[in-house]
Amino acid sequence: MDANRDWYQSVRMEFLEDVDFLLKSISLWEPGMSTFKAKDCVFRQNRDIRFSANKDPYKTNFAAYFSVGGKKSNGPGYYLHIQPGQSFLAGGIWMPPADILKKIRQEIDYSGKDLLEILEESAFKKTFGGLEGEQLKTSPKGYEADHPHIELLRFKSFIVSTALTDDEINSGKFKEKAIANFKKMKPFHDFLARAIEETENGNGLL
């Protein structure tokens, strides 16, 4: 890091400018983020190595997370990951704690048809495909195997994503793509936020 510090600081400043641009755009349909600064959305470059077999001290990517509740929120958020050959956009809620997962499953139980309509909408499906992440092999506790939305109920995360190419990153075109695709995620996020009743100011759950 010391040998590359000047280069790193220059690239980091450029990334912060890009995040600021995205943040201002997202705030147009997510006004709860209108007071945020770019630095509030960017993850630290240092890796948490306390519980990891990989002891490399620094990450090899830049990442930002845009959520009404902040980076540590249990609510839905928009994620940008930049890494050579592995860049992508994502959104939703990754591995929520048990109480939040329970709330999401309850909402699917009540209103799974609403979530299916969002996931099956043509532009959404063409862009993101479908939900990603680990699923239970059996039915979650309290739900029968023949539940009409059992495939959705088995998910342990509720994430959608789409890849970014190196050319899109280097040319800066990824920013317009991110804005367009993040906006497509809005109905998906509204469903998840409704499920967990995330407050607008990020001070916790109602």
C-alpha atoms as a PDB file:
ATOM      1  CA  MET A   1       0.000   0.000   0.000  1.00  0.00           C
ATOM      2  CA  ASP A   2       2.777   2.452   0.854  1.00  0.00           C
ATOM      3  CA  ALA A   3       4.358   1.995  -2.587  1.00  0.00           C
ATOM      4  CA  ASN A   4       1.026   2.696  -4.300  1.00  0.00           C
ATOM      5  CA  ARG A   5      -0.486   5.223  -1.899  1.00  0.00           C
ATOM      6  CA  ASP A   6      -0.505   8.195  -4.311  1.00  0.00           C
ATOM      7  CA  TRP A   7      -2.117   6.077  -7.044  1.00  0.00           C
ATOM      8  CA  TYR A   8      -4.640   4.668  -4.572  1.00  0.00           C
ATOM      9  CA  GLN A   9      -5.636   8.098  -3.263  1.00  0.00           C
ATOM     10  CA  SER A  10      -6.098   9.385  -6.824  1.00  0.00           C
ATOM     11  CA  VAL A  11      -8.295   6.434  -7.822  1.00  0.00           C
ATOM     12  CA  ARG A  12     -10.229   6.634  -4.550  1.00  0.00           C
ATOM     13  CA  MET A  13     -11.044  10.306  -5.155  1.00  0.00           C
ATOM     14  CA  GLU A  14     -12.321   9.425  -8.616  1.00  0.00           C
ATOM     15  CA  PHE A  15     -14.465   6.661  -7.110  1.00  0.00           C
ATOM     16  CA  LEU A  16     -15.885   9.072  -4.509  1.00  0.00           C
ATOM     17  CA  GLU A  17     -16.859  11.447  -7.317  1.00  0.00           C
ATOM     18  CA  ASP A  18     -18.631   8.612  -9.111  1.00  0.00           C
ATOM     19  CA  VAL A  19     -20.421   7.592  -5.910  1.00  0.00           C
ATOM     20  CA  ASP A  20     -21.496  11.196  -5.317  1.00  0.00           C
ATOM     21  CA  PHE A  21     -22.952  11.308  -8.837  1.00  0.00           C
ATOM     22  CA  LEU A  22     -24.857   8.059  -8.234  1.00  0.00           C
ATOM     23  CA  LEU A  23     -26.033   9.166  -4.813  1.00  0.00           C
ATOM     24  CA  LYS A  24     -27.551  12.382  -6.141  1.00  0.00           C
ATOM     25  CA  SER A  25     -29.377  10.415  -8.839  1.00  0.00           C
ATOM     26  CA  ILE A  26     -30.666   7.723  -6.472  1.00  0.00           C
ATOM     27  CA  SER A  27     -31.883  10.426  -4.080  1.00  0.00           C
ATOM     28  CA  LEU A  28     -34.380  11.551  -6.728  1.00  0.00           C
ATOM     29  CA  TRP A  29     -36.460   8.427  -6.031  1.00  0.00           C
ATOM     30  CA  GLU A  30     -35.029   7.666  -2.561  1.00  0.00           C
ATOM     31  CA  PRO A  31     -35.299  11.073  -0.818  1.00  0.00           C
ATOM     32  CA  GLY A  32     -34.229   9.509   2.480  1.00  0.00           C
ATOM     33  CA  MET A  33     -30.677   9.539   1.116  1.00  0.00           C
ATOM     34  CA  SER A  34     -30.665  13.208   0.134  1.00  0.00           C
ATOM     35  CA  THR A  35     -28.509  14.265   3.097  1.00  0.00           C
ATOM     36  CA  PHE A  36     -25.909  11.508   2.625  1.00  0.00           C
ATOM     37  CA  LYS A  37     -22.342  12.130   1.487  1.00  0.00           C
ATOM     38  CA  ALA A  38     -20.366   9.812  -0.772  1.00  0.00           C
ATOM     39  CA  LYS A  39     -18.101   8.780   2.105  1.00  0.00           C
ATOM     40  CA  ASP A  40     -21.188   7.554   3.997  1.00  0.00           C
ATOM     41  CA  CYS A  41     -21.748   4.933   1.289  1.00  0.00           C
ATOM     42  CA  VAL A  42     -18.198   3.712   0.575  1.00  0.00           C
ATOM     43  CA  PHE A  43     -16.746   0.708   2.364  1.00  0.00           C
ATOM     44  CA  ARG A  44     -13.325   0.779   3.996  1.00  0.00           C
ATOM     45  CA  GLN A  45     -10.412  -0.603   1.996  1.00  0.00           C
ATOM     46  CA  ASN A  46      -9.057  -2.505   4.983  1.00  0.00           C
ATOM     47  CA  ARG A  47     -10.278  -6.088   5.274  1.00  0.00           C
ATOM     48  CA  ASP A  48     -11.623  -7.508   8.544  1.00  0.00           C
ATOM     49  CA  ILE A  49      -9.229 -10.436   8.981  1.00  0.00           C
ATOM     50  CA  ARG A  50     -10.217 -11.430  12.530  1.00  0.00           C
ATOM     51  CA  PHE A  51     -12.318 -14.412  11.467  1.00  0.00           C
ATOM     52  CA  SER A  52     -10.968 -15.000   7.974  1.00  0.00           C
ATOM     53  CA  ALA A  53      -8.442 -17.527   6.731  1.00  0.00           C
ATOM     54  CA  ASN A  54      -7.379 -14.909   4.177  1.00  0.00           C
ATOM     55  CA  LYS A  55      -5.097 -12.517   6.046  1.00  0.00           C
ATOM     56  CA  ASP A  56      -4.551 -10.074   3.161  1.00  0.00           C
ATOM     57  CA  PRO A  57      -4.916  -6.665   4.817  1.00  0.00           C
ATOM     58  CA  TYR A  58      -6.586  -4.845   1.914  1.00  0.00           C
ATOM     59  CA  LYS A  59      -9.502  -5.478  -0.420  1.00  0.00           C
ATOM     60  CA  THR A  60      -8.864  -5.645  -4.162  1.00  0.00           C
ATOM     61  CA  ASN A  61     -12.105  -3.872  -5.066  1.00  0.00           C
ATOM     62  CA  PHE A  62     -13.977  -0.655  -4.490  1.00  0.00           C
ATOM     63  CA  ALA A  63     -17.542  -0.952  -3.205  1.00  0.00           C
ATOM     64  CA  ALA A  64     -20.393   1.333  -2.224  1.00  0.00           C
ATOM     65  CA  TYR A  65     -23.782   0.651  -0.671  1.00  0.00           C
ATOM     66  CA  PHE A  66     -26.717   3.033  -0.936  1.00  0.00           C
ATOM     67  CA  SER A  67     -29.456   2.443   1.651  1.00  0.00           C
ATOM     68  CA  VAL A  68     -31.886   4.745   3.429  1.00  0.00           C
ATOM     69  CA  GLY A  69     -30.742   3.260   6.734  1.00  0.00           C
ATOM     70  CA  GLY A  70     -27.038   3.570   5.962  1.00  0.00           C
ATOM     71  CA  LYS A  71     -24.346   0.974   5.254  1.00  0.00           C
ATOM     72  CA  LYS A  72     -25.243  -1.086   8.331  1.00  0.00           C
ATOM     73  CA  SER A  73     -28.988  -1.017   7.741  1.00  0.00           C
ATOM     74  CA  ASN A  74     -31.081  -4.180   7.705  1.00  0.00           C
ATOM     75  CA  GLY A  75     -33.167  -2.594   4.969  1.00  0.00           C
ATOM     76  CA  PRO A  76     -32.753  -2.946   1.213  1.00  0.00           C
ATOM     77  CA  GLY A  77     -29.941  -1.188  -0.587  1.00  0.00           C
ATOM     78  CA  TYR A  78     -28.192  -0.644  -3.918  1.00  0.00           C
ATOM     79  CA  TYR A  79     -24.661  -2.055  -4.222  1.00  0.00           C
ATOM     80  CA  LEU A  80     -21.828  -1.158  -6.596  1.00  0.00           C
ATOM     81  CA  HIS A  81     -18.772  -3.426  -6.821  1.00  0.00           C
ATOM     82  CA  ILE A  82     -15.771  -2.483  -8.979  1.00  0.00           C
ATOM     83  CA  GLN A  83     -13.034  -5.058  -9.527  1.00  0.00           C
ATOM     84  CA  PRO A  84     -11.204  -5.993 -12.738  1.00  0.00           C
ATOM     85  CA  GLY A  85     -13.191  -8.711 -14.476  1.00  0.00           C
ATOM     86  CA  GLN A  86     -15.646  -9.011 -11.578  1.00  0.00           C
ATOM     87  CA  SER A  87     -17.595  -5.745 -11.430  1.00  0.00           C
ATOM     88  CA  PHE A  88     -21.340  -5.811 -10.859  1.00  0.00           C
ATOM     89  CA  LEU A  89     -24.438  -4.038  -9.580  1.00  0.00           C
ATOM     90  CA  ALA A  90     -26.717  -5.618  -6.998  1.00  0.00           C
ATOM     91  CA  GLY A  91     -29.666  -4.791  -4.808  1.00  0.00           C
ATOM     92  CA  GLY A  92     -31.878  -6.168  -2.090  1.00  0.00           C
ATOM     93  CA  ILE A  93     -31.011  -7.627   1.317  1.00  0.00           C
ATOM     94  CA  TRP A  94     -28.135 -10.059   1.812  1.00  0.00           C
ATOM     95  CA  MET A  95     -28.346 -12.618   4.653  1.00  0.00           C
ATOM     96  CA  PRO A  96     -30.741 -10.727   6.941  1.00  0.00           C
ATOM     97  CA  PRO A  97     -30.790 -11.643  10.655  1.00  0.00           C
ATOM     98  CA  ALA A  98     -33.439 -14.096  11.784  1.00  0.00           C
ATOM     99  CA  ASP A  99     -36.014 -11.507  12.864  1.00  0.00           C
ATOM    100  CA  ILE A 100     -35.791  -9.626   9.565  1.00  0.00           C
ATOM    101  CA  LEU A 101     -35.870 -12.831   7.526  1.00  0.00           C
ATOM    102  CA  LYS A 102     -39.012 -13.836   9.407  1.00  0.00           C
ATOM    103  CA  LYS A 103     -40.685 -10.534   8.505  1.00  0.00           C
ATOM    104  CA  ILE A 104     -39.805 -10.934   4.821  1.00  0.00           C
ATOM    105  CA  ARG A 105     -41.157 -14.456   4.756  1.00  0.00           C
ATOM    106  CA  GLN A 106     -44.356 -13.296   6.431  1.00  0.00           C
ATOM    107  CA  GLU A 107     -44.803 -10.670   3.719  1.00  0.00           C
ATOM    108  CA  ILE A 108     -44.224 -13.306   1.020  1.00  0.00           C
ATOM    109  CA  ASP A 109     -46.786 -15.507   2.763  1.00  0.00           C
ATOM    110  CA  TYR A 110     -49.318 -12.665   2.671  1.00  0.00           C
ATOM    111  CA  SER A 111     -48.375 -10.977  -0.593  1.00  0.00           C
ATOM    112  CA  GLY A 112     -46.132 -13.309  -2.548  1.00  0.00           C
ATOM    113  CA  LYS A 113     -48.082 -12.528  -5.692  1.00  0.00           C
ATOM    114  CA  ASP A 114     -46.865  -8.916  -5.476  1.00  0.00           C
ATOM    115  CA  LEU A 115     -43.224 -10.039  -5.327  1.00  0.00           C
ATOM    116  CA  LEU A 116     -43.720 -12.448  -8.219  1.00  0.00           C
ATOM    117  CA  GLU A 117     -45.159  -9.665 -10.363  1.00  0.00           C
ATOM    118  CA  ILE A 118     -42.065  -7.558  -9.666  1.00  0.00           C
ATOM    119  CA  LEU A 119     -39.658 -10.403 -10.432  1.00  0.00           C
ATOM    120  CA  GLU A 120     -41.521 -11.427 -13.582  1.00  0.00           C
ATOM    121  CA  GLU A 121     -41.874  -7.907 -15.022  1.00  0.00           C
ATOM    122  CA  SER A 122     -40.216  -8.103 -18.444  1.00  0.00           C
ATOM    123  CA  ALA A 123     -37.561  -5.368 -18.076  1.00  0.00           C
ATOM    124  CA  PHE A 124     -36.698  -6.493 -14.556  1.00  0.00           C
ATOM    125  CA  LYS A 125     -36.388 -10.146 -15.525  1.00  0.00           C
ATOM    126  CA  LYS A 126     -34.344  -9.345 -18.644  1.00  0.00           C
ATOM    127  CA  THR A 127     -31.887  -7.308 -16.586  1.00  0.00           C
ATOM    128  CA  PHE A 128     -31.546  -9.374 -13.418  1.00  0.00           C
ATOM    129  CA  GLY A 129     -32.889 -12.819 -14.253  1.00  0.00           C
ATOM    130  CA  GLY A 130     -34.246 -13.676 -10.835  1.00  0.00           C
ATOM    131  CA  LEU A 131     -33.449 -13.916  -7.145  1.00  0.00           C
ATOM    132  CA  GLU A 132     -29.969 -15.128  -6.235  1.00  0.00           C
ATOM    133  CA  GLY A 133     -28.463 -16.716  -3.190  1.00  0.00           C
ATOM    134  CA  GLU A 134     -28.619 -19.671  -0.881  1.00  0.00           C
ATOM    135  CA  GLN A 135     -31.900 -21.477  -0.354  1.00  0.00           C
ATOM    136  CA  LEU A 136     -33.103 -23.942   2.223  1.00  0.00           C
ATOM    137  CA  LYS A 137     -33.403 -27.487   0.927  1.00  0.00           C
ATOM    138  CA  THR A 138     -36.571 -27.960   2.948  1.00  0.00           C
ATOM    139  CA  SER A 139     -39.465 -25.702   3.858  1.00  0.00           C
ATOM    140  CA  PRO A 140     -38.825 -22.960   6.420  1.00  0.00           C
ATOM    141  CA  LYS A 141     -40.360 -23.535   9.835  1.00  0.00           C
ATOM    142  CA  GLY A 142     -44.051 -22.757   9.846  1.00  0.00           C
ATOM    143  CA  TYR A 143     -44.612 -23.199   6.096  1.00  0.00           C
ATOM    144  CA  GLU A 144     -45.895 -26.241   4.266  1.00  0.00           C
ATOM    145  CA  ALA A 145     -44.051 -27.744   1.309  1.00  0.00           C
ATOM    146  CA  ASP A 146     -47.060 -27.088  -0.926  1.00  0.00           C
ATOM    147  CA  HIS A 147     -47.217 -23.370  -0.140  1.00  0.00           C
ATOM    148  CA  PRO A 148     -47.839 -21.525  -3.440  1.00  0.00           C
ATOM    149  CA  HIS A 149     -44.722 -19.386  -2.884  1.00  0.00           C
ATOM    150  CA  ILE A 150     -42.486 -22.011  -1.306  1.00  0.00           C
ATOM    151  CA  GLU A 151     -39.619 -21.350  -3.757  1.00  0.00           C
ATOM    152  CA  LEU A 152     -39.483 -17.720  -2.645  1.00  0.00           C
ATOM    153  CA  LEU A 153     -39.860 -18.626   1.021  1.00  0.00           C
ATOM    154  CA  ARG A 154     -36.798 -20.887   0.863  1.00  0.00           C
ATOM    155  CA  PHE A 155     -34.430 -18.017   0.072  1.00  0.00           C
ATOM    156  CA  LYS A 156     -32.098 -16.880   2.869  1.00  0.00           C
ATOM    157  CA  SER A 157     -31.117 -13.712   0.972  1.00  0.00           C
ATOM    158  CA  PHE A 158     -33.149 -11.566  -1.386  1.00  0.00           C
ATOM    159  CA  ILE A 159     -30.683 -10.284  -3.979  1.00  0.00           C
ATOM    160  CA  VAL A 160     -30.692  -9.426  -7.671  1.00  0.00           C
ATOM    161  CA  SER A 161     -27.630  -8.448  -9.704  1.00  0.00           C
ATOM    162  CA  THR A 162     -26.231  -7.720 -13.140  1.00  0.00           C
ATOM    163  CA  ALA A 163     -22.637  -7.674 -14.375  1.00  0.00           C
ATOM    164  CA  LEU A 164     -20.557  -4.691 -15.445  1.00  0.00           C
ATOM    165  CA  THR A 165     -17.795  -5.034 -18.020  1.00  0.00           C
ATOM    166  CA  ASP A 166     -14.315  -3.573 -17.685  1.00  0.00           C
ATOM    167  CA  ASP A 167     -15.048  -1.406 -20.743  1.00  0.00           C
ATOM    168  CA  GLU A 168     -18.120   0.041 -19.015  1.00  0.00           C
ATOM    169  CA  ILE A 169     -16.034   0.830 -15.928  1.00  0.00           C
ATOM    170  CA  ASN A 170     -13.104   2.364 -17.817  1.00  0.00           C
ATOM    171  CA  SER A 171     -15.309   4.468 -20.091  1.00  0.00           C
ATOM    172  CA  GLY A 172     -17.524   5.684 -17.252  1.00  0.00           C
ATOM    173  CA  LYS A 173     -20.626   4.284 -18.969  1.00  0.00           C
ATOM    174  CA  PHE A 174     -21.308   2.166 -15.892  1.00  0.00           C
ATOM    175  CA  LYS A 175     -22.727   5.211 -14.105  1.00  0.00           C
ATOM    176  CA  GLU A 176     -25.677   5.632 -16.465  1.00  0.00           C
ATOM    177  CA  LYS A 177     -26.186   1.870 -16.464  1.00  0.00           C
ATOM    178  CA  ALA A 178     -26.148   1.844 -12.679  1.00  0.00           C
ATOM    179  CA  ILE A 179     -28.744   4.596 -12.422  1.00  0.00           C
ATOM    180  CA  ALA A 180     -31.073   2.894 -14.901  1.00  0.00           C
ATOM    181  CA  ASN A 181     -30.734  -0.518 -13.275  1.00  0.00           C
ATOM    182  CA  PHE A 182     -30.930   0.749  -9.710  1.00  0.00           C
ATOM    183  CA  LYS A 183     -34.188   2.491 -10.592  1.00  0.00           C
ATOM    184  CA  LYS A 184     -35.541  -0.830 -11.893  1.00  0.00           C
ATOM    185  CA  MET A 185     -34.890  -2.245  -8.418  1.00  0.00           C
ATOM    186  CA  LYS A 186     -37.117   0.333  -6.705  1.00  0.00           C
ATOM    187  CA  PRO A 187     -40.343  -1.783  -6.662  1.00  0.00           C
ATOM    188  CA  PHE A 188     -38.326  -4.750  -5.360  1.00  0.00           C
ATOM    189  CA  HIS A 189     -36.889  -2.596  -2.577  1.00  0.00           C
ATOM    190  CA  ASP A 190     -40.314  -1.159  -1.765  1.00  0.00           C
ATOM    191  CA  PHE A 191     -41.618  -4.688  -1.227  1.00  0.00           C
ATOM    192  CA  LEU A 192     -38.717  -5.559   1.106  1.00  0.00           C
ATOM    193  CA  ALA A 193     -38.968  -2.257   2.991  1.00  0.00           C
ATOM    194  CA  ARG A 194     -42.697  -2.780   3.446  1.00  0.00           C
ATOM    195  CA  ALA A 195     -41.976  -6.232   4.822  1.00  0.00           C
ATOM    196  CA  ILE A 196     -39.596  -5.056   7.521  1.00  0.00           C
ATOM    197  CA  GLU A 197     -41.108  -1.607   8.066  1.00  0.00           C
ATOM    198  CA  GLU A 198     -37.743   0.108   7.756  1.00  0.00           C
ATOM    199  CA  THR A 199     -37.956   3.745   8.874  1.00  0.00           C
ATOM    200  CA  GLU A 200     -37.166   6.532   6.452  1.00  0.00           C
ATOM    201  CA  ASN A 201     -34.501   8.071   8.695  1.00  0.00           C
ATOM    202  CA  GLY A 202     -32.611   4.847   9.339  1.00  0.00           C
ATOM    203  CA  ASN A 203     -33.049   4.906  13.119  1.00  0.00           C
ATOM    204  CA  GLY A 204     -34.188   1.312  13.246  1.00  0.00           C
ATOM    205  CA  LEU A 205     -37.418  -0.558  12.865  1.00  0.00           C
ATOM    206  CA  LEU A 206     -40.854   0.785  13.635  1.00  0.00           C
END
